[in-house]
Amino acid sequence: MMKLLEPCHLPMALRMSVLFALLGCAGPGRAPTPPPGYPPPYQINGKWYQPTKTARDFRERGIASWYGKAFHGQKTSSGQAYDMHAMTGAHKTLPLGTYVSVRNLRNGKKVVVRINDRGPFVRGRIIDLSYGAAKEIGLVGPGTAPVEIVALGVPTETRVQGGIQRTLVPGHYDIGDFTVQVGAFRDKENAFRLKDKLARTYKDVHIMVQEGSDGTLYKVRVARCTTLEQARRYEKMLEGDGYPDAMVVAR
């Protein structure tokens, strides 16, 4: 497939400058128009924030804080209930679901958290950690500390018999080698029947054979994509065509 050139290929610092410049042009009562393909902006205390489309190359230094018992059980921006003991965090613009490494610059301690909420909306602060994550890097006592955030990637899922295998796609995860898995079978004939059916409509239908200690698994996959966005479009198309188990995986 042809690789699409998008605004996300600009350096992160330049992309953020462009986004904030665009947001600065919008009046306080009117939502700004996001660049094509970007999530919708949101407003807090009269100020607009534009979430990024990707966390590729994202690295940031600033002050971290934490939130705990008073918010335990409340709904986060991702829709999940806040668990003060889970390894999670809140960031104003990173895509929800992004995993980031947070390093305390005072003591060198690190923790990996999943961004599932928005905030902190306090001047100078760049991330709010859960109580559990803050405790890991010695942040609970002082309350705040200078940190460095590095985006690690987003999780992809592979459906296998008896459960789902989760893998974190690291680094430049929006550009790479992706495909969409439609089914996984122990029976080879069932896999090839689905492959033949999909090949009538889709290109690049193939089977990936996985050998394991518990036997052989035949994974039926569609498309060979160079960006995560392209793979997501195939995933939605397959879901609309009656394949609800379709999911993006890294090849």
C-alpha atoms as a PDB file:
ATOM      1  CA  MET A   1       0.000   0.000   0.000  1.00  0.00           C
ATOM      2  CA  MET A   2       1.139   3.532  -0.640  1.00  0.00           C
ATOM      3  CA  LYS A   3       2.529   5.279   2.405  1.00  0.00           C
ATOM      4  CA  LEU A   4       0.566   8.391   3.323  1.00  0.00           C
ATOM      5  CA  LEU A   5       2.378  11.584   4.227  1.00  0.00           C
ATOM      6  CA  GLU A   6       0.690  13.154   7.224  1.00  0.00           C
ATOM      7  CA  PRO A   7       1.309  16.006   9.686  1.00  0.00           C
ATOM      8  CA  CYS A   8       2.515  13.412  12.243  1.00  0.00           C
ATOM      9  CA  HIS A   9       5.763  13.008  10.282  1.00  0.00           C
ATOM     10  CA  LEU A  10       6.890  16.446  11.467  1.00  0.00           C
ATOM     11  CA  PRO A  11       9.166  16.516  14.534  1.00  0.00           C
ATOM     12  CA  MET A  12       7.119  16.392  17.738  1.00  0.00           C
ATOM     13  CA  ALA A  13       8.159  19.856  18.930  1.00  0.00           C
ATOM     14  CA  LEU A  14       7.156  21.407  15.608  1.00  0.00           C
ATOM     15  CA  ARG A  15       3.861  19.513  15.482  1.00  0.00           C
ATOM     16  CA  MET A  16       2.943  20.718  18.962  1.00  0.00           C
ATOM     17  CA  SER A  17       3.847  24.313  18.057  1.00  0.00           C
ATOM     18  CA  VAL A  18       1.575  24.146  15.021  1.00  0.00           C
ATOM     19  CA  LEU A  19      -1.284  22.641  17.031  1.00  0.00           C
ATOM     20  CA  PHE A  20      -1.099  25.211  19.798  1.00  0.00           C
ATOM     21  CA  ALA A  21      -0.900  28.006  17.223  1.00  0.00           C
ATOM     22  CA  LEU A  22      -4.086  26.706  15.619  1.00  0.00           C
ATOM     23  CA  LEU A  23      -5.820  26.489  18.981  1.00  0.00           C
ATOM     24  CA  GLY A  24      -4.763  30.034  19.831  1.00  0.00           C
ATOM     25  CA  CYS A  25      -6.781  31.315  16.865  1.00  0.00           C
ATOM     26  CA  ALA A  26     -10.068  29.999  18.254  1.00  0.00           C
ATOM     27  CA  GLY A  27     -12.345  32.093  20.411  1.00  0.00           C
ATOM     28  CA  PRO A  28     -12.979  30.962  23.998  1.00  0.00           C
ATOM     29  CA  GLY A  29     -16.555  29.965  23.258  1.00  0.00           C
ATOM     30  CA  ARG A  30     -15.997  28.105  20.004  1.00  0.00           C
ATOM     31  CA  ALA A  31     -14.253  24.772  19.547  1.00  0.00           C
ATOM     32  CA  PRO A  32     -11.240  25.000  17.198  1.00  0.00           C
ATOM     33  CA  THR A  33     -11.117  22.746  14.161  1.00  0.00           C
ATOM     34  CA  PRO A  34      -8.470  20.022  14.633  1.00  0.00           C
ATOM     35  CA  PRO A  35      -6.107  19.020  11.805  1.00  0.00           C
ATOM     36  CA  PRO A  36      -7.378  16.116   9.637  1.00  0.00           C
ATOM     37  CA  GLY A  37      -7.318  12.823  11.496  1.00  0.00           C
ATOM     38  CA  TYR A  38      -6.731  14.312  14.937  1.00  0.00           C
ATOM     39  CA  PRO A  39      -9.002  13.673  17.948  1.00  0.00           C
ATOM     40  CA  PRO A  40     -11.435  16.463  18.831  1.00  0.00           C
ATOM     41  CA  PRO A  41     -10.159  19.185  21.177  1.00  0.00           C
ATOM     42  CA  TYR A  42     -11.594  19.667  24.655  1.00  0.00           C
ATOM     43  CA  GLN A  43     -11.983  22.685  26.912  1.00  0.00           C
ATOM     44  CA  ILE A  44     -11.049  23.027  30.587  1.00  0.00           C
ATOM     45  CA  ASN A  45     -11.468  26.297  32.498  1.00  0.00           C
ATOM     46  CA  GLY A  46     -11.927  28.238  29.258  1.00  0.00           C
ATOM     47  CA  LYS A  47      -8.763  26.851  27.634  1.00  0.00           C
ATOM     48  CA  TRP A  48      -8.717  24.497  24.643  1.00  0.00           C
ATOM     49  CA  TYR A  49      -6.447  21.448  24.481  1.00  0.00           C
ATOM     50  CA  GLN A  50      -5.732  19.482  21.312  1.00  0.00           C
ATOM     51  CA  PRO A  51      -4.832  15.797  21.863  1.00  0.00           C
ATOM     52  CA  THR A  52      -2.078  14.539  19.585  1.00  0.00           C
ATOM     53  CA  LYS A  53      -2.692  11.979  16.864  1.00  0.00           C
ATOM     54  CA  THR A  54       0.409  10.001  17.771  1.00  0.00           C
ATOM     55  CA  ALA A  55       3.007   9.933  20.525  1.00  0.00           C
ATOM     56  CA  ARG A  56       5.842   9.141  18.131  1.00  0.00           C
ATOM     57  CA  ASP A  57       9.122  10.744  19.288  1.00  0.00           C
ATOM     58  CA  PHE A  58       7.378  12.198  22.348  1.00  0.00           C
ATOM     59  CA  ARG A  59       9.716  13.193  25.169  1.00  0.00           C
ATOM     60  CA  GLU A  60       8.970  15.839  27.782  1.00  0.00           C
ATOM     61  CA  ARG A  61      10.433  17.215  31.001  1.00  0.00           C
ATOM     62  CA  GLY A  62       8.520  19.011  33.692  1.00  0.00           C
ATOM     63  CA  ILE A  63       6.822  18.624  37.061  1.00  0.00           C
ATOM     64  CA  ALA A  64       4.843  15.505  37.991  1.00  0.00           C
ATOM     65  CA  SER A  65       2.196  15.310  40.698  1.00  0.00           C
ATOM     66  CA  TRP A  66      -0.179  12.552  41.826  1.00  0.00           C
ATOM     67  CA  TYR A  67      -3.795  11.962  42.763  1.00  0.00           C
ATOM     68  CA  GLY A  68      -5.221   9.307  45.023  1.00  0.00           C
ATOM     69  CA  LYS A  69      -8.024   8.309  47.367  1.00  0.00           C
ATOM     70  CA  ALA A  70     -10.319  11.284  46.721  1.00  0.00           C
ATOM     71  CA  PHE A  71     -10.653  10.200  43.071  1.00  0.00           C
ATOM     72  CA  HIS A  72     -10.600   6.418  43.581  1.00  0.00           C
ATOM     73  CA  GLY A  73     -13.472   4.795  41.659  1.00  0.00           C
ATOM     74  CA  GLN A  74     -14.380   7.924  39.704  1.00  0.00           C
ATOM     75  CA  LYS A  75     -14.592   7.763  35.925  1.00  0.00           C
ATOM     76  CA  THR A  76     -11.494   8.855  33.995  1.00  0.00           C
ATOM     77  CA  SER A  77     -11.411  10.498  30.569  1.00  0.00           C
ATOM     78  CA  SER A  78     -11.001   7.044  28.992  1.00  0.00           C
ATOM     79  CA  GLY A  79     -14.240   5.894  30.611  1.00  0.00           C
ATOM     80  CA  GLN A  80     -12.461   3.544  32.999  1.00  0.00           C
ATOM     81  CA  ALA A  81     -12.803   3.838  36.749  1.00  0.00           C
ATOM     82  CA  TYR A  82      -9.751   5.360  38.395  1.00  0.00           C
ATOM     83  CA  ASP A  83      -7.807   2.818  40.428  1.00  0.00           C
ATOM     84  CA  MET A  84      -5.345   4.566  42.726  1.00  0.00           C
ATOM     85  CA  HIS A  85      -3.258   1.384  42.966  1.00  0.00           C
ATOM     86  CA  ALA A  86      -2.942   0.763  39.201  1.00  0.00           C
ATOM     87  CA  MET A  87      -0.016   2.015  37.132  1.00  0.00           C
ATOM     88  CA  THR A  88      -1.775   4.847  35.288  1.00  0.00           C
ATOM     89  CA  GLY A  89      -1.423   8.556  34.652  1.00  0.00           C
ATOM     90  CA  ALA A  90      -3.127  11.672  33.323  1.00  0.00           C
ATOM     91  CA  HIS A  91      -1.702  13.810  30.515  1.00  0.00           C
ATOM     92  CA  LYS A  92      -3.236  16.764  28.706  1.00  0.00           C
ATOM     93  CA  THR A  93      -2.509  15.765  25.082  1.00  0.00           C
ATOM     94  CA  LEU A  94      -0.986  12.278  24.686  1.00  0.00           C
ATOM     95  CA  PRO A  95      -3.313   9.726  23.065  1.00  0.00           C
ATOM     96  CA  LEU A  96      -5.276   7.782  25.662  1.00  0.00           C
ATOM     97  CA  GLY A  97      -3.879   4.273  25.948  1.00  0.00           C
ATOM     98  CA  THR A  98      -0.260   5.331  25.395  1.00  0.00           C
ATOM     99  CA  TYR A  99       2.310   3.707  27.673  1.00  0.00           C
ATOM    100  CA  VAL A 100       5.011   6.057  28.917  1.00  0.00           C
ATOM    101  CA  SER A 101       8.117   5.728  31.038  1.00  0.00           C
ATOM    102  CA  VAL A 102       8.316   8.304  33.818  1.00  0.00           C
ATOM    103  CA  ARG A 103      11.707   8.939  35.441  1.00  0.00           C
ATOM    104  CA  ASN A 104      12.080  10.925  38.640  1.00  0.00           C
ATOM    105  CA  LEU A 105      15.004  13.256  37.942  1.00  0.00           C
ATOM    106  CA  ARG A 106      15.765  13.620  41.660  1.00  0.00           C
ATOM    107  CA  ASN A 107      16.386   9.946  42.431  1.00  0.00           C
ATOM    108  CA  GLY A 108      16.524   8.200  39.025  1.00  0.00           C
ATOM    109  CA  LYS A 109      13.607   5.857  39.803  1.00  0.00           C
ATOM    110  CA  LYS A 110      11.385   4.865  36.869  1.00  0.00           C
ATOM    111  CA  VAL A 111       7.867   3.583  36.393  1.00  0.00           C
ATOM    112  CA  VAL A 112       5.826   2.673  33.309  1.00  0.00           C
ATOM    113  CA  VAL A 113       2.230   3.905  33.266  1.00  0.00           C
ATOM    114  CA  ARG A 114      -0.698   3.880  30.872  1.00  0.00           C
ATOM    115  CA  ILE A 115      -2.284   7.247  30.086  1.00  0.00           C
ATOM    116  CA  ASN A 116      -6.013   6.869  30.741  1.00  0.00           C
ATOM    117  CA  ASP A 117      -6.999  10.331  31.946  1.00  0.00           C
ATOM    118  CA  ARG A 118      -6.609  14.040  31.155  1.00  0.00           C
ATOM    119  CA  GLY A 119      -4.742  16.529  33.324  1.00  0.00           C
ATOM    120  CA  PRO A 120      -3.083  17.951  35.322  1.00  0.00           C
ATOM    121  CA  PHE A 121      -4.560  21.370  34.669  1.00  0.00           C
ATOM    122  CA  VAL A 122      -2.113  23.174  36.952  1.00  0.00           C
ATOM    123  CA  ARG A 123       0.449  25.526  35.452  1.00  0.00           C
ATOM    124  CA  GLY A 124       3.867  23.935  35.053  1.00  0.00           C
ATOM    125  CA  ARG A 125       2.768  20.331  35.687  1.00  0.00           C
ATOM    126  CA  ILE A 126       2.989  17.804  32.844  1.00  0.00           C
ATOM    127  CA  ILE A 127       1.638  14.543  34.307  1.00  0.00           C
ATOM    128  CA  ASP A 128      -0.521  13.343  37.192  1.00  0.00           C
ATOM    129  CA  LEU A 129       0.398   9.850  38.399  1.00  0.00           C
ATOM    130  CA  SER A 130      -1.790   7.413  40.252  1.00  0.00           C
ATOM    131  CA  TYR A 131      -0.914   6.858  43.908  1.00  0.00           C
ATOM    132  CA  GLY A 132       0.566   3.461  43.052  1.00  0.00           C
ATOM    133  CA  ALA A 133       2.808   4.861  40.311  1.00  0.00           C
ATOM    134  CA  ALA A 134       3.858   7.862  42.419  1.00  0.00           C
ATOM    135  CA  LYS A 135       4.844   5.531  45.252  1.00  0.00           C
ATOM    136  CA  GLU A 136       7.098   3.538  42.896  1.00  0.00           C
ATOM    137  CA  ILE A 137       9.273   6.580  42.135  1.00  0.00           C
ATOM    138  CA  GLY A 138       9.237   8.261  45.532  1.00  0.00           C
ATOM    139  CA  LEU A 139       6.744  10.993  44.665  1.00  0.00           C
ATOM    140  CA  VAL A 140       4.097  10.469  47.348  1.00  0.00           C
ATOM    141  CA  GLY A 141       5.994  12.193  50.183  1.00  0.00           C
ATOM    142  CA  PRO A 142       7.143  15.378  48.421  1.00  0.00           C
ATOM    143  CA  GLY A 143       3.973  15.555  46.296  1.00  0.00           C
ATOM    144  CA  THR A 144       5.731  16.820  43.177  1.00  0.00           C
ATOM    145  CA  ALA A 145       9.064  16.224  41.444  1.00  0.00           C
ATOM    146  CA  PRO A 146      10.798  16.985  38.148  1.00  0.00           C
ATOM    147  CA  VAL A 147      10.428  14.063  35.737  1.00  0.00           C
ATOM    148  CA  GLU A 148      11.158  13.010  32.194  1.00  0.00           C
ATOM    149  CA  ILE A 149       8.414  11.326  30.167  1.00  0.00           C
ATOM    150  CA  VAL A 150       9.230   9.084  27.195  1.00  0.00           C
ATOM    151  CA  ALA A 151       6.464   7.508  25.109  1.00  0.00           C
ATOM    152  CA  LEU A 152       6.943   3.752  24.725  1.00  0.00           C
ATOM    153  CA  GLY A 153       4.055   2.741  22.502  1.00  0.00           C
ATOM    154  CA  VAL A 154       0.530   1.375  22.391  1.00  0.00           C
ATOM    155  CA  PRO A 155      -0.650  -2.185  22.984  1.00  0.00           C
ATOM    156  CA  THR A 156      -1.783  -4.465  20.179  1.00  0.00           C
ATOM    157  CA  GLU A 157      -3.806  -7.618  20.766  1.00  0.00           C
ATOM    158  CA  THR A 158      -3.764 -11.058  19.200  1.00  0.00           C
ATOM    159  CA  ARG A 159      -6.747 -13.293  19.809  1.00  0.00           C
ATOM    160  CA  VAL A 160      -5.665 -16.867  20.476  1.00  0.00           C
ATOM    161  CA  GLN A 161      -7.650 -19.871  21.591  1.00  0.00           C
ATOM    162  CA  GLY A 162      -8.518 -19.435  25.229  1.00  0.00           C
ATOM    163  CA  GLY A 163      -7.609 -15.773  25.521  1.00  0.00           C
ATOM    164  CA  ILE A 164      -5.941 -12.651  24.165  1.00  0.00           C
ATOM    165  CA  GLN A 165      -2.202 -12.086  23.901  1.00  0.00           C
ATOM    166  CA  ARG A 166      -1.146  -8.458  24.398  1.00  0.00           C
ATOM    167  CA  THR A 167       2.030  -6.959  22.970  1.00  0.00           C
ATOM    168  CA  LEU A 168       3.389  -3.438  23.342  1.00  0.00           C
ATOM    169  CA  VAL A 169       4.510  -1.911  20.036  1.00  0.00           C
ATOM    170  CA  PRO A 170       7.538   0.227  20.972  1.00  0.00           C
ATOM    171  CA  GLY A 171       9.212   3.313  19.529  1.00  0.00           C
ATOM    172  CA  HIS A 172       7.851   4.674  16.260  1.00  0.00           C
ATOM    173  CA  TYR A 173       4.693   2.644  16.609  1.00  0.00           C
ATOM    174  CA  ASP A 174       2.591   4.631  14.166  1.00  0.00           C
ATOM    175  CA  ILE A 175       4.977   3.723  11.342  1.00  0.00           C
ATOM    176  CA  GLY A 176       5.989   0.114  10.877  1.00  0.00           C
ATOM    177  CA  ASP A 177       4.641  -3.217   9.703  1.00  0.00           C
ATOM    178  CA  PHE A 178       1.012  -3.864  10.624  1.00  0.00           C
ATOM    179  CA  THR A 179      -1.758  -6.207   9.569  1.00  0.00           C
ATOM    180  CA  VAL A 180      -5.285  -7.076  10.706  1.00  0.00           C
ATOM    181  CA  GLN A 181      -5.987 -10.474  12.221  1.00  0.00           C
ATOM    182  CA  VAL A 182      -9.481 -11.790  11.549  1.00  0.00           C
ATOM    183  CA  GLY A 183      -9.263 -15.210  13.210  1.00  0.00           C
ATOM    184  CA  ALA A 184      -6.971 -17.759  14.821  1.00  0.00           C
ATOM    185  CA  PHE A 185      -7.598 -21.500  14.451  1.00  0.00           C
ATOM    186  CA  ARG A 186      -6.224 -24.824  15.621  1.00  0.00           C
ATOM    187  CA  ASP A 187      -7.910 -26.458  12.646  1.00  0.00           C
ATOM    188  CA  LYS A 188      -5.948 -25.743   9.462  1.00  0.00           C
ATOM    189  CA  GLU A 189      -8.944 -26.334   7.177  1.00  0.00           C
ATOM    190  CA  ASN A 190     -11.058 -23.750   9.013  1.00  0.00           C
ATOM    191  CA  ALA A 191      -8.266 -21.219   8.616  1.00  0.00           C
ATOM    192  CA  PHE A 192      -7.967 -21.802   4.872  1.00  0.00           C
ATOM    193  CA  ARG A 193     -11.741 -21.634   4.417  1.00  0.00           C
ATOM    194  CA  LEU A 194     -11.784 -18.185   5.997  1.00  0.00           C
ATOM    195  CA  LYS A 195      -8.741 -17.154   3.953  1.00  0.00           C
ATOM    196  CA  ASP A 196     -10.475 -18.146   0.685  1.00  0.00           C
ATOM    197  CA  LYS A 197     -13.634 -16.278   1.696  1.00  0.00           C
ATOM    198  CA  LEU A 198     -11.762 -13.088   2.584  1.00  0.00           C
ATOM    199  CA  ALA A 199      -9.666 -13.230  -0.601  1.00  0.00           C
ATOM    200  CA  ARG A 200     -12.809 -12.628  -2.679  1.00  0.00           C
ATOM    201  CA  THR A 201     -13.023  -9.119  -1.226  1.00  0.00           C
ATOM    202  CA  TYR A 202      -9.672  -8.158   0.278  1.00  0.00           C
ATOM    203  CA  LYS A 203      -6.076  -8.024  -0.896  1.00  0.00           C
ATOM    204  CA  ASP A 204      -3.066  -9.547   0.815  1.00  0.00           C
ATOM    205  CA  VAL A 205      -4.998 -12.209   2.708  1.00  0.00           C
ATOM    206  CA  HIS A 206      -2.474 -14.572   4.287  1.00  0.00           C
ATOM    207  CA  ILE A 207      -1.995 -17.117   7.049  1.00  0.00           C
ATOM    208  CA  MET A 208       0.672 -16.861   9.713  1.00  0.00           C
ATOM    209  CA  VAL A 209       1.551 -20.223  11.243  1.00  0.00           C
ATOM    210  CA  GLN A 210       2.578 -20.111  14.902  1.00  0.00           C
ATOM    211  CA  GLU A 211       4.178 -23.175  16.447  1.00  0.00           C
ATOM    212  CA  GLY A 212       3.879 -23.496  20.205  1.00  0.00           C
ATOM    213  CA  SER A 213       4.295 -25.993  23.008  1.00  0.00           C
ATOM    214  CA  ASP A 214       0.535 -26.596  22.969  1.00  0.00           C
ATOM    215  CA  GLY A 215       0.331 -27.101  19.196  1.00  0.00           C
ATOM    216  CA  THR A 216       0.030 -25.126  15.968  1.00  0.00           C
ATOM    217  CA  LEU A 217      -2.093 -22.022  15.525  1.00  0.00           C
ATOM    218  CA  TYR A 218      -3.159 -20.720  12.097  1.00  0.00           C
ATOM    219  CA  LYS A 219      -3.754 -16.965  12.127  1.00  0.00           C
ATOM    220  CA  VAL A 220      -5.747 -15.494   9.241  1.00  0.00           C
ATOM    221  CA  ARG A 221      -4.694 -11.952   8.432  1.00  0.00           C
ATOM    222  CA  VAL A 222      -5.617  -9.243   5.934  1.00  0.00           C
ATOM    223  CA  ALA A 223      -3.516  -6.423   4.467  1.00  0.00           C
ATOM    224  CA  ARG A 224       0.089  -5.351   4.888  1.00  0.00           C
ATOM    225  CA  CYS A 225       0.168  -1.763   6.160  1.00  0.00           C
ATOM    226  CA  THR A 226       3.019   0.643   6.774  1.00  0.00           C
ATOM    227  CA  THR A 227       1.127   2.822   9.281  1.00  0.00           C
ATOM    228  CA  LEU A 228      -1.079   2.074  12.242  1.00  0.00           C
ATOM    229  CA  GLU A 229      -3.732   4.403  10.839  1.00  0.00           C
ATOM    230  CA  GLN A 230      -4.004   2.389   7.611  1.00  0.00           C
ATOM    231  CA  ALA A 231      -4.392  -0.807   9.628  1.00  0.00           C
ATOM    232  CA  ARG A 232      -7.085   0.795  11.802  1.00  0.00           C
ATOM    233  CA  ARG A 233      -9.069   1.642   8.655  1.00  0.00           C
ATOM    234  CA  TYR A 234      -8.923  -1.990   7.530  1.00  0.00           C
ATOM    235  CA  GLU A 235      -9.987  -3.082  11.005  1.00  0.00           C
ATOM    236  CA  LYS A 236     -13.095  -0.871  10.919  1.00  0.00           C
ATOM    237  CA  MET A 237     -13.917  -2.055   7.387  1.00  0.00           C
ATOM    238  CA  LEU A 238     -13.728  -5.701   8.429  1.00  0.00           C
ATOM    239  CA  GLU A 239     -15.828  -5.069  11.526  1.00  0.00           C
ATOM    240  CA  GLY A 240     -18.448  -3.410   9.314  1.00  0.00           C
ATOM    241  CA  ASP A 241     -18.415  -6.442   7.004  1.00  0.00           C
ATOM    242  CA  GLY A 242     -19.307  -8.803   9.824  1.00  0.00           C
ATOM    243  CA  TYR A 243     -15.945  -9.725  11.350  1.00  0.00           C
ATOM    244  CA  PRO A 244     -16.213  -8.357  14.915  1.00  0.00           C
ATOM    245  CA  ASP A 245     -13.041 -10.150  16.085  1.00  0.00           C
ATOM    246  CA  ALA A 246     -10.814  -8.262  13.617  1.00  0.00           C
ATOM    247  CA  MET A 247      -7.907  -6.556  15.387  1.00  0.00           C
ATOM    248  CA  VAL A 248      -4.707  -4.743  14.422  1.00  0.00           C
ATOM    249  CA  VAL A 249      -1.470  -6.597  15.160  1.00  0.00           C
ATOM    250  CA  ALA A 250       2.183  -5.796  14.555  1.00  0.00           C
ATOM    251  CA  ARG A 251       3.793  -8.171  12.055  1.00  0.00           C
END
